[in-house]
Amino acid sequence: MEDRPAEKGGHRLLTGWGRTAPTAARVVRPRTAAEAGRLLREAAAAGTGAGRGADDDGGVGRGAIARGLGRSYGDAAQCAGGLVLDCTGLAPGIRLDRAAGTVTASAGTALSDLMAHLLPRGRFVPVTPGTRHVTVGGAIAADIHGKNHHADSSIGAHVRSLRLVTPDGTEHVLGPGRDPELFWATVGGMGLTGVVTEATLDVIPVETAAVRVDTDRTPDLDAALALMSASDHRYRYTVCWIDLMARGAATGRGALTRAHHARAADLPPRLRRDPLAYAPRTLATAPAAVPPGMLNRWSVRAFNAAYHARAPRRARDRIQGIGSFFHPLDAVRGWNRLYGPRGLVQYQFVVPFGAEGTLRRIVERLAAAGAPSFLAVLKRFGDGTPAPLSFPMPGWTLALDLPAGLPGLAALLRSFDTAVAEAGGRIYLAKDSRANATDVHAMYPRLPEWQATRSRADPDGILTSDLARRLELV
C-alpha cells in the first residue's frame, strides 16, 4: 500500500474518559503502519525518550504513545509534552475468514464498526467491554475483559496474531507462537511496547443479534456471590449490578443478569424476519455543561433504590438486543459529563477466590461513607492470559464510578489499594488515574519480567505515557 502522509498534527489538551488530569501533547494521526513507524523513528532520533527531552522538538523528545478513542478512564493515552499517535486513522480494513473463524482488522477499527460488519454475517466479537467505542488496538493494549471472562477469558486469549511497530520503525508480526514474549508483553502492555497496527482475532458464530437473559434480584452481597458461584458455569455472560448505597442487611443488594446468545427459534415472530439486524441507538445526549454535585448521595441513593425495586425478582429467557445488554451506557452520548466539571474516577479491582472478606469490607466501607456510585458491577473472573500486565485473574472483580471531587476520596481509595494488594489482588491499569507506583508494583509481581521484554522492543525508552511515568512502569 502506498504510504500517505499523516494528518498534520497540533498540540491538544487530552484527558481520559474520566476527564481528570488534562495534559497537552502534539497529536498526529498516522494513516498507515509505515507512517506510524516514521513518527516513532522521529521520536527515537530526538534521543531522549521517556520524558527527558527538550521543549522545542515538536514533542518527540518527551516520548510517544498511541491513542485510540480515548476510553481509558485515566492517563494511559496521554503523554505530557510529548507525541501522541491518534491511531483511529490507520488504514481501514476488515477481513472475515469464515473457514478459519477469524477476522483481521486495522488497530484503529472501533469495536462498534467491527460488530456492525460481523453481525449481519453471523459472527460476533469474542470479548467486548462495557462500551463498543473502543479500538481493536486499545482493546489489545488493555487486554479487555467482558461479561464472559469466566467462560472465555480476556481478548488476549483470542488474538491469533498482530502487527506491532516498534520505535526503530520495524513492523513485527507476533502471535502466541511467534515471539511469544513480546506478544504477551504487548497484550495488556498499555501501548508501551509499540504501536499495534493490525490484529487477527477469533470470532463467535451467532444466529441472532440478541441474547436470552435470566435475571435474579439479590437481597445482599453474600446472596449474589453464592448465586454466581453456583450458576455462572451454566452461562456464557454474567454480571451483577450492586447497590453501593444500601446499608445494613441490604448491603450489596443487586440485580444479577446472565445470558446466552439467542437462537433464531428463541426470537418472537417479528424479530425472526431479520434475526441478525443490528442498529444500536443513541437515546439521549448528556448536556455539554453539568453543574457540580448533580450526582450526590441523595440522588444516587434514590436512583439505586428505584433500580433495585424495578429489577424482576426472577425472570427467565427474556430477549434483549446485543447493544442494550452489553453497552447500555452507550445509549447516552457523553454520559461521563454527568459527573460535572471535575470528572469521575473509576475504580476497578480484583481479589482472588478466598478473599471474599476483602471484597465485603470494601463494599461495607463504601456504603458507610455514602459514596455515590450508581455504576457498580460485580463479575466473576476465570483463568487469565500469560500476559504479565494483564489485569484479570481468577477471582471477584468490582468496578465502580465515583465523582472525582468527592471529599476524602483519595484516602479512601488508597486504603482500598492496600487491602487489595494484601489480599493478592490488583487494580486495572486501563481505568486507573490515581494509584501510586509502590502499590501497583506490589500488585503486579511480573512487572520486572515485562520491563525486560519491553526494553528489547524499545531500548531507548521512547514509548511512555503519563500513566507509565506516574506508576514508574518504564
Protein backbone atom coordinates (compact mmCIF):
# COMPACT_ATOMS: atom_id res chain seq x y z
CA MET A 1 0.00 0.00 0.00
CA GLU A 2 1.29 3.44 -0.89
CA ASP A 3 2.19 5.44 2.20
CA ARG A 4 0.13 8.58 2.73
CA PRO A 5 1.27 11.43 4.93
CA ALA A 6 -0.06 11.69 8.43
CA GLU A 7 -2.61 14.34 9.15
CA LYS A 8 -0.78 17.46 10.19
CA GLY A 9 -0.61 17.42 13.96
CA GLY A 10 -1.01 20.13 16.54
CA HIS A 11 -0.85 20.47 20.28
CA ARG A 12 -4.01 19.46 22.11
CA LEU A 13 -5.17 19.10 25.67
CA LEU A 14 -6.05 15.45 26.37
CA THR A 15 -7.78 13.57 29.15
CA GLY A 16 -9.10 10.07 29.61
CA TRP A 17 -12.80 9.25 29.79
CA GLY A 18 -12.83 10.33 33.42
CA ARG A 19 -11.97 13.89 32.35
CA THR A 20 -9.35 14.35 35.08
CA ALA A 21 -5.67 15.39 34.92
CA PRO A 22 -5.55 17.01 31.43
CA THR A 23 -2.13 17.34 29.79
CA ALA A 24 -1.03 18.77 26.46
CA ALA A 25 0.76 16.86 23.71
CA ARG A 26 1.39 17.08 19.99
CA VAL A 27 -1.24 14.84 18.38
CA VAL A 28 -0.58 13.34 14.94
CA ARG A 29 -2.88 10.98 13.04
CA PRO A 30 -0.88 8.42 11.02
CA ARG A 31 -2.68 6.81 8.09
CA THR A 32 -0.52 3.71 7.65
CA ALA A 33 1.84 1.48 9.56
CA ALA A 34 4.75 2.96 7.64
CA GLU A 35 3.77 6.46 8.72
CA ALA A 36 3.46 5.34 12.33
CA GLY A 37 6.95 3.89 12.05
CA ARG A 38 8.32 7.17 10.70
CA LEU A 39 6.81 9.13 13.57
CA LEU A 40 8.31 6.74 16.11
CA ARG A 41 11.70 7.00 14.43
CA GLU A 42 11.47 10.77 14.75
CA ALA A 43 10.80 10.36 18.44
CA ALA A 44 13.75 7.98 18.74
CA ALA A 45 16.01 10.37 16.81
CA ALA A 46 15.34 13.04 19.43
CA GLY A 47 17.48 10.79 21.59
CA THR A 48 15.95 11.44 24.97
CA GLY A 49 12.76 9.38 25.33
CA ALA A 50 10.74 8.69 28.45
CA GLY A 51 10.06 12.31 29.23
CA ARG A 52 13.57 13.74 29.44
CA GLY A 53 13.69 15.79 26.24
CA ALA A 54 13.81 19.44 25.31
CA ASP A 55 10.74 21.56 24.74
CA ASP A 56 11.46 22.70 21.18
CA ASP A 57 11.37 19.42 19.26
CA GLY A 58 7.67 19.26 18.42
CA GLY A 59 7.01 16.90 21.28
CA VAL A 60 9.12 13.96 20.15
CA GLY A 61 11.76 14.37 22.87
CA ARG A 62 9.20 13.73 25.59
CA GLY A 63 8.44 10.28 24.26
CA ALA A 64 5.43 8.93 22.40
CA ILE A 65 2.31 6.85 22.98
CA ALA A 66 -0.54 5.54 20.81
CA ARG A 67 -4.15 6.57 21.42
CA GLY A 68 -7.44 5.17 20.17
CA LEU A 69 -10.87 6.51 21.07
CA GLY A 70 -9.76 7.80 24.47
CA ARG A 71 -11.86 5.41 26.57
CA SER A 72 -9.18 4.59 29.15
CA TYR A 73 -10.50 6.37 32.21
CA GLY A 74 -7.19 7.82 33.34
CA ASP A 75 -3.92 8.93 31.77
CA ALA A 76 -2.90 5.81 29.83
CA ALA A 77 -3.22 7.52 26.41
CA GLN A 78 -1.68 10.86 27.38
CA CYS A 79 1.96 11.93 27.07
CA ALA A 80 2.52 15.37 28.59
CA GLY A 81 4.75 17.47 26.34
CA GLY A 82 5.33 14.52 24.03
CA LEU A 83 3.87 12.90 20.93
CA VAL A 84 0.51 11.13 20.79
CA LEU A 85 -0.30 8.99 17.75
CA ASP A 86 -4.04 9.05 17.12
CA CYS A 87 -4.43 5.61 15.57
CA THR A 88 -8.08 5.91 14.60
CA GLY A 89 -6.99 6.90 11.08
CA LEU A 90 -4.88 3.82 10.38
CA ALA A 91 -5.74 2.31 7.01
CA PRO A 92 -9.16 0.72 7.47
CA GLY A 93 -10.00 -2.80 6.51
CA ILE A 94 -12.00 -5.73 7.94
CA ARG A 95 -11.45 -9.20 6.50
CA LEU A 96 -13.57 -12.10 7.73
CA ASP A 97 -12.20 -15.61 7.21
CA ARG A 98 -15.17 -17.89 7.75
CA ALA A 99 -13.17 -21.08 7.34
CA ALA A 100 -10.57 -20.09 9.93
CA GLY A 101 -13.13 -18.49 12.23
CA THR A 102 -11.19 -15.22 12.40
CA VAL A 103 -11.41 -11.57 11.49
CA THR A 104 -8.49 -9.28 10.64
CA ALA A 105 -8.90 -5.56 11.27
CA SER A 106 -6.76 -2.46 11.49
CA ALA A 107 -5.93 -1.39 15.03
CA GLY A 108 -7.90 1.83 14.58
CA THR A 109 -11.15 -0.04 13.89
CA ALA A 110 -13.76 0.59 16.57
CA LEU A 111 -15.48 -2.43 18.05
CA SER A 112 -18.74 -0.73 17.08
CA ASP A 113 -17.73 -0.90 13.41
CA LEU A 114 -16.40 -4.42 13.79
CA MET A 115 -19.71 -5.61 15.26
CA ALA A 116 -21.68 -3.84 12.53
CA HIS A 117 -19.60 -5.74 9.97
CA LEU A 118 -19.70 -9.12 11.70
CA LEU A 119 -23.26 -9.49 12.95
CA PRO A 120 -25.01 -9.44 9.55
CA ARG A 121 -22.58 -12.22 8.62
CA GLY A 122 -23.49 -14.32 11.64
CA ARG A 123 -20.37 -13.61 13.70
CA PHE A 124 -19.61 -11.71 16.91
CA VAL A 125 -16.50 -10.45 18.68
CA PRO A 126 -15.02 -12.87 21.23
CA VAL A 127 -14.92 -10.26 24.01
CA THR A 128 -16.48 -6.83 24.43
CA PRO A 129 -16.16 -4.46 27.38
CA GLY A 130 -18.95 -2.22 28.64
CA THR A 131 -18.60 0.13 25.67
CA ARG A 132 -18.38 -0.58 21.96
CA HIS A 133 -16.44 2.66 21.42
CA VAL A 134 -13.01 1.05 21.83
CA THR A 135 -10.48 0.38 19.09
CA VAL A 136 -9.00 -3.03 18.34
CA GLY A 137 -5.54 -1.73 19.24
CA GLY A 138 -6.75 -0.25 22.51
CA ALA A 139 -8.59 -3.45 23.37
CA ILE A 140 -5.37 -5.44 23.00
CA ALA A 141 -3.25 -2.89 24.86
CA ALA A 142 -5.62 -3.11 27.84
CA ASP A 143 -6.36 -6.85 27.38
CA ILE A 144 -10.03 -6.03 27.81
CA HIS A 145 -12.47 -8.34 29.52
CA GLY A 146 -16.23 -8.57 29.39
CA LYS A 147 -19.18 -10.36 30.94
CA ASN A 148 -17.83 -13.68 29.64
CA HIS A 149 -14.41 -13.77 31.30
CA HIS A 150 -15.38 -16.73 33.50
CA ALA A 151 -16.08 -18.68 30.29
CA ASP A 152 -13.81 -17.17 27.62
CA SER A 153 -11.02 -15.21 29.38
CA SER A 154 -9.90 -11.80 28.05
CA ILE A 155 -9.37 -10.68 24.47
CA GLY A 156 -5.69 -11.67 24.52
CA ALA A 157 -6.75 -15.32 24.59
CA HIS A 158 -8.43 -14.77 21.19
CA VAL A 159 -5.70 -12.86 19.34
CA ARG A 160 -4.21 -15.14 16.68
CA SER A 161 -1.62 -12.59 15.50
CA LEU A 162 -0.88 -8.89 15.49
CA ARG A 163 1.40 -6.40 13.77
CA LEU A 164 3.47 -4.17 16.02
CA VAL A 165 5.62 -1.20 15.00
CA THR A 166 8.48 -0.56 17.42
CA PRO A 167 10.36 2.77 17.80
CA ASP A 168 13.06 1.77 15.33
CA GLY A 169 10.33 1.65 12.66
CA THR A 170 10.34 -2.14 12.33
CA GLU A 171 7.00 -3.89 11.90
CA HIS A 172 6.88 -7.21 13.77
CA VAL A 173 4.34 -9.98 13.23
CA LEU A 174 3.64 -11.54 16.61
CA GLY A 175 1.46 -14.30 17.98
CA PRO A 176 1.27 -16.82 20.82
CA GLY A 177 3.71 -18.99 18.85
CA ARG A 178 5.72 -16.22 17.22
CA ASP A 179 7.93 -14.24 19.60
CA PRO A 180 5.55 -15.08 22.45
CA GLU A 181 7.44 -12.95 24.99
CA LEU A 182 6.92 -9.76 23.01
CA PHE A 183 3.39 -10.80 22.04
CA TRP A 184 2.31 -11.27 25.66
CA ALA A 185 4.16 -8.12 26.74
CA THR A 186 2.08 -6.23 24.16
CA VAL A 187 -1.21 -7.79 25.27
CA GLY A 188 -2.10 -5.75 28.34
CA GLY A 189 1.08 -3.70 27.90
CA MET A 190 -0.76 -0.36 27.75
CA GLY A 191 0.83 0.61 24.42
CA LEU A 192 4.34 0.65 25.87
CA THR A 193 5.92 -1.97 23.59
CA GLY A 194 4.98 -0.36 20.27
CA VAL A 195 2.06 0.66 18.10
CA VAL A 196 -0.32 -2.16 17.18
CA THR A 197 -1.40 -1.58 13.57
CA GLU A 198 -3.45 -4.71 12.77
CA ALA A 199 -4.72 -7.83 14.51
CA THR A 200 -6.39 -11.14 13.71
CA LEU A 201 -8.97 -12.29 16.26
CA ASP A 202 -11.22 -15.28 16.77
CA VAL A 203 -14.91 -14.70 16.11
CA ILE A 204 -18.00 -16.37 17.57
CA PRO A 205 -20.74 -17.79 15.29
CA VAL A 206 -24.19 -16.48 16.23
CA GLU A 207 -27.71 -16.92 14.82
CA THR A 208 -29.10 -13.59 16.01
CA ALA A 209 -28.17 -10.11 17.22
CA ALA A 210 -29.91 -10.80 20.52
CA VAL A 211 -29.29 -12.56 23.82
CA ARG A 212 -31.53 -14.68 26.03
CA VAL A 213 -31.37 -13.22 29.55
CA ASP A 214 -32.11 -14.59 33.01
CA THR A 215 -32.40 -12.09 35.88
CA ASP A 216 -32.50 -12.52 39.66
CA ARG A 217 -32.86 -9.76 42.22
CA THR A 218 -30.35 -10.41 45.02
CA PRO A 219 -31.00 -9.19 48.59
CA ASP A 220 -27.39 -8.68 49.65
CA LEU A 221 -23.78 -9.23 48.60
CA ASP A 222 -23.48 -12.73 50.06
CA ALA A 223 -26.55 -13.87 48.12
CA ALA A 224 -25.06 -12.52 44.89
CA LEU A 225 -21.73 -14.26 45.49
CA ALA A 226 -23.46 -17.54 46.28
CA LEU A 227 -25.74 -17.43 43.25
CA MET A 228 -22.91 -16.51 40.89
CA SER A 229 -20.70 -19.27 42.30
CA ALA A 230 -23.47 -21.83 41.87
CA SER A 231 -24.69 -20.87 38.41
CA ASP A 232 -22.06 -18.94 36.41
CA HIS A 233 -20.79 -22.11 34.75
CA ARG A 234 -24.17 -22.51 33.03
CA TYR A 235 -23.99 -19.13 31.25
CA ARG A 236 -21.64 -17.51 28.77
CA TYR A 237 -22.29 -13.99 30.07
CA THR A 238 -22.92 -12.88 33.63
CA VAL A 239 -22.79 -9.60 35.56
CA CYS A 240 -24.30 -8.29 38.77
CA TRP A 241 -25.19 -4.65 39.37
CA ILE A 242 -24.90 -3.88 43.07
CA ASP A 243 -26.21 -1.01 45.15
CA LEU A 244 -23.26 0.53 46.98
CA MET A 245 -25.53 2.97 48.79
CA ALA A 246 -27.52 0.27 50.61
CA ARG A 247 -26.56 -0.43 54.22
CA GLY A 248 -27.29 -2.88 57.00
CA ALA A 249 -28.92 -6.14 55.98
CA ALA A 250 -29.27 -4.86 52.39
CA THR A 251 -25.56 -4.11 51.92
CA GLY A 252 -24.54 -5.08 48.41
CA ARG A 253 -28.05 -5.90 47.21
CA GLY A 254 -28.25 -6.12 43.44
CA ALA A 255 -29.58 -7.49 40.20
CA LEU A 256 -27.83 -10.46 38.61
CA THR A 257 -28.21 -10.90 34.84
CA ARG A 258 -26.91 -13.90 32.91
CA ALA A 259 -27.23 -14.64 29.23
CA HIS A 260 -26.50 -16.75 26.16
CA HIS A 261 -26.64 -15.74 22.53
CA ALA A 262 -30.22 -16.25 21.38
CA ARG A 263 -31.02 -18.73 18.65
CA ALA A 264 -33.34 -17.78 15.83
CA ALA A 265 -36.02 -20.06 17.30
CA ASP A 266 -35.86 -18.10 20.58
CA LEU A 267 -36.97 -14.85 18.95
CA PRO A 268 -40.54 -13.59 18.78
CA PRO A 269 -42.03 -13.77 15.25
CA ARG A 270 -41.48 -10.07 14.48
CA LEU A 271 -37.70 -10.44 15.04
CA ARG A 272 -37.29 -13.71 13.12
CA ARG A 273 -37.71 -11.92 9.79
CA ASP A 274 -34.28 -10.35 10.22
CA PRO A 275 -32.63 -12.07 13.20
CA LEU A 276 -29.19 -10.53 12.62
CA ALA A 277 -30.38 -6.92 12.34
CA TYR A 278 -28.14 -4.72 14.45
CA ALA A 279 -28.77 -0.99 14.80
CA PRO A 280 -27.90 0.24 18.32
CA ARG A 281 -29.38 3.64 19.06
CA THR A 282 -28.30 6.68 21.00
CA LEU A 283 -31.32 7.60 23.08
CA ALA A 284 -30.02 10.78 24.70
CA THR A 285 -27.06 13.13 24.89
CA ALA A 286 -25.70 14.45 28.16
CA PRO A 287 -25.66 18.24 28.45
CA ALA A 288 -22.40 19.92 27.47
CA ALA A 289 -22.18 21.50 30.92
CA VAL A 290 -23.50 19.81 34.06
CA PRO A 291 -23.35 21.67 37.37
CA PRO A 292 -21.18 20.11 40.06
CA GLY A 293 -22.90 17.93 42.61
CA MET A 294 -25.77 16.69 40.46
CA LEU A 295 -24.73 13.12 41.26
CA ASN A 296 -24.71 13.15 45.05
CA ARG A 297 -25.54 10.66 47.78
CA TRP A 298 -29.24 11.62 47.79
CA SER A 299 -29.82 11.47 44.03
CA VAL A 300 -27.80 8.27 43.62
CA ARG A 301 -29.46 6.61 46.62
CA ALA A 302 -32.87 7.32 45.13
CA PHE A 303 -31.80 6.03 41.69
CA ASN A 304 -30.29 2.85 43.12
CA ALA A 305 -33.34 2.09 45.26
CA ALA A 306 -35.63 2.53 42.27
CA TYR A 307 -33.40 0.44 40.01
CA HIS A 308 -33.25 -2.42 42.53
CA ALA A 309 -37.00 -2.34 43.09
CA ARG A 310 -37.68 -2.38 39.34
CA ALA A 311 -35.45 -5.41 38.71
CA PRO A 312 -37.56 -8.58 38.44
CA ARG A 313 -37.28 -10.96 41.39
CA ARG A 314 -36.85 -13.82 38.95
CA ALA A 315 -37.17 -13.64 35.16
CA ARG A 316 -36.15 -16.20 32.58
CA ASP A 317 -35.46 -16.25 28.83
CA ARG A 318 -36.15 -12.59 28.13
CA ILE A 319 -34.90 -11.48 24.73
CA GLN A 320 -32.66 -8.42 24.71
CA GLY A 321 -30.69 -6.77 21.93
CA ILE A 322 -26.92 -7.08 21.94
CA GLY A 323 -26.49 -3.32 22.20
CA SER A 324 -28.68 -2.85 25.26
CA PHE A 325 -27.28 -5.91 27.06
CA PHE A 326 -23.58 -5.29 26.51
CA HIS A 327 -23.40 -1.50 26.17
CA PRO A 328 -26.32 0.17 28.00
CA LEU A 329 -24.37 3.35 28.76
CA ASP A 330 -23.55 3.89 25.09
CA ALA A 331 -27.20 4.85 24.68
CA VAL A 332 -26.34 8.16 26.39
CA ARG A 333 -23.78 10.08 24.36
CA GLY A 334 -21.21 11.77 26.60
CA TRP A 335 -22.54 10.23 29.81
CA ASN A 336 -19.23 10.97 31.55
CA ARG A 337 -20.21 14.64 31.57
CA LEU A 338 -22.97 13.85 34.08
CA TYR A 339 -20.32 13.85 36.83
CA GLY A 340 -19.75 17.56 36.39
CA PRO A 341 -16.66 19.61 35.52
CA ARG A 342 -14.29 17.78 37.89
CA GLY A 343 -14.94 14.45 36.19
CA LEU A 344 -15.09 10.95 37.59
CA VAL A 345 -12.82 8.27 38.95
CA GLN A 346 -13.46 4.67 38.04
CA TYR A 347 -12.00 2.16 40.44
CA GLN A 348 -11.79 -1.49 39.46
CA PHE A 349 -10.04 -4.20 41.41
CA VAL A 350 -9.90 -7.98 41.52
CA VAL A 351 -9.23 -10.19 44.51
CA PRO A 352 -8.66 -13.95 44.31
CA PHE A 353 -11.21 -16.52 45.36
CA GLY A 354 -10.89 -16.96 49.09
CA ALA A 355 -10.52 -13.19 49.64
CA GLU A 356 -14.25 -12.50 49.71
CA GLY A 357 -13.75 -10.84 53.10
CA THR A 358 -11.73 -8.09 51.45
CA LEU A 359 -14.45 -7.53 48.85
CA ARG A 360 -17.10 -7.44 51.55
CA ARG A 361 -15.19 -4.92 53.69
CA ILE A 362 -14.71 -2.60 50.71
CA VAL A 363 -18.43 -2.72 49.89
CA GLU A 364 -19.30 -2.05 53.54
CA ARG A 365 -16.93 0.91 53.73
CA LEU A 366 -18.33 2.42 50.53
CA ALA A 367 -21.85 2.08 51.89
CA ALA A 368 -20.88 3.58 55.25
CA ALA A 369 -19.17 6.50 53.51
CA GLY A 370 -22.26 7.17 51.39
CA ALA A 371 -20.04 7.15 48.29
CA PRO A 372 -22.43 7.97 45.42
CA SER A 373 -21.86 5.27 42.80
CA PHE A 374 -24.67 4.06 40.55
CA LEU A 375 -22.46 2.17 38.09
CA ALA A 376 -21.10 -0.59 40.32
CA VAL A 377 -20.80 -4.01 38.68
CA LEU A 378 -19.54 -7.28 40.10
CA LYS A 379 -18.17 -10.08 37.93
CA ARG A 380 -16.51 -13.44 38.42
CA PHE A 381 -13.23 -13.92 36.57
CA GLY A 382 -11.89 -17.20 35.22
CA ASP A 383 -8.40 -18.06 34.01
CA GLY A 384 -6.23 -15.19 32.83
CA THR A 385 -3.75 -14.99 29.95
CA PRO A 386 0.05 -15.34 30.20
CA ALA A 387 0.42 -11.56 29.76
CA PRO A 388 2.49 -10.14 32.66
CA LEU A 389 0.48 -6.91 32.93
CA SER A 390 -2.95 -8.33 32.17
CA PHE A 391 -5.47 -7.39 34.84
CA PRO A 392 -7.88 -10.34 35.07
CA MET A 393 -7.10 -13.28 37.35
CA PRO A 394 -9.37 -15.94 38.88
CA GLY A 395 -11.49 -14.18 41.47
CA TRP A 396 -14.02 -11.43 42.04
CA THR A 397 -13.85 -8.05 40.35
CA LEU A 398 -15.78 -4.94 41.29
CA ALA A 399 -15.86 -1.77 39.16
CA LEU A 400 -17.41 1.48 40.34
CA ASP A 401 -17.58 5.14 39.30
CA LEU A 402 -17.29 7.99 41.79
CA PRO A 403 -17.28 11.79 41.39
CA ALA A 404 -13.66 12.95 41.30
CA GLY A 405 -14.38 15.80 43.70
CA LEU A 406 -15.80 13.59 46.46
CA PRO A 407 -14.30 14.67 49.82
CA GLY A 408 -11.94 12.06 51.24
CA LEU A 409 -11.89 10.02 48.01
CA ALA A 410 -8.10 9.86 47.65
CA ALA A 411 -7.56 8.47 51.15
CA LEU A 412 -10.47 6.03 50.82
CA LEU A 413 -9.20 4.54 47.54
CA ARG A 414 -5.62 4.43 48.81
CA SER A 415 -6.80 2.29 51.73
CA PHE A 416 -8.56 0.02 49.24
CA ASP A 417 -5.32 -0.30 47.23
CA THR A 418 -3.54 -1.51 50.36
CA ALA A 419 -6.26 -4.02 51.18
CA VAL A 420 -6.39 -5.34 47.60
CA ALA A 421 -2.60 -5.74 47.43
CA GLU A 422 -2.51 -7.54 50.78
CA ALA A 423 -5.19 -9.93 49.50
CA GLY A 424 -3.09 -10.77 46.42
CA GLY A 425 -5.27 -8.76 44.05
CA ARG A 426 -4.69 -5.83 41.72
CA ILE A 427 -6.30 -2.77 40.16
CA TYR A 428 -6.98 -2.28 36.45
CA LEU A 429 -4.40 -0.02 34.79
CA ALA A 430 -6.75 0.93 31.94
CA LYS A 431 -9.08 2.53 34.47
CA ASP A 432 -6.57 3.91 36.94
CA SER A 433 -5.99 7.63 37.32
CA ARG A 434 -4.64 8.00 40.85
CA ALA A 435 -2.69 4.98 42.20
CA ASN A 436 0.97 5.15 43.22
CA ALA A 437 3.93 3.19 41.95
CA THR A 438 4.64 1.31 45.18
CA ASP A 439 1.18 -0.23 45.40
CA VAL A 440 0.99 -1.09 41.70
CA HIS A 441 4.43 -2.73 41.68
CA ALA A 442 3.32 -4.92 44.59
CA MET A 443 0.14 -5.87 42.71
CA TYR A 444 1.98 -6.82 39.51
CA PRO A 445 4.93 -9.00 40.63
CA ARG A 446 5.78 -9.90 37.00
CA LEU A 447 6.49 -6.26 36.17
CA PRO A 448 10.33 -6.78 36.05
CA GLU A 449 9.79 -9.60 33.53
CA TRP A 450 7.63 -7.32 31.40
CA GLN A 451 10.15 -4.47 31.66
CA ALA A 452 12.94 -6.72 30.37
CA THR A 453 10.92 -7.70 27.30
CA ARG A 454 9.82 -4.12 26.73
CA SER A 455 13.44 -2.96 26.82
CA ARG A 456 14.19 -5.31 23.95
CA ALA A 457 11.47 -3.65 21.85
CA ASP A 458 12.26 -0.10 22.99
CA PRO A 459 15.83 0.06 24.31
CA ASP A 460 15.91 3.87 24.31
CA GLY A 461 12.70 4.25 26.29
CA ILE A 462 10.83 6.20 23.64
CA LEU A 463 7.38 4.83 24.41
CA THR A 464 5.90 6.35 27.52
CA SER A 465 2.72 7.89 28.89
CA ASP A 466 1.52 9.89 31.84
CA LEU A 467 0.40 6.59 33.39
CA ALA A 468 3.80 5.00 32.80
CA ARG A 469 5.61 7.92 34.41
CA ARG A 470 3.26 8.11 37.38
CA LEU A 471 3.49 4.39 38.09
CA GLU A 472 7.19 4.09 37.15
CA LEU A 473 6.45 1.33 34.66
CA VAL A 474 9.28 2.32 32.31
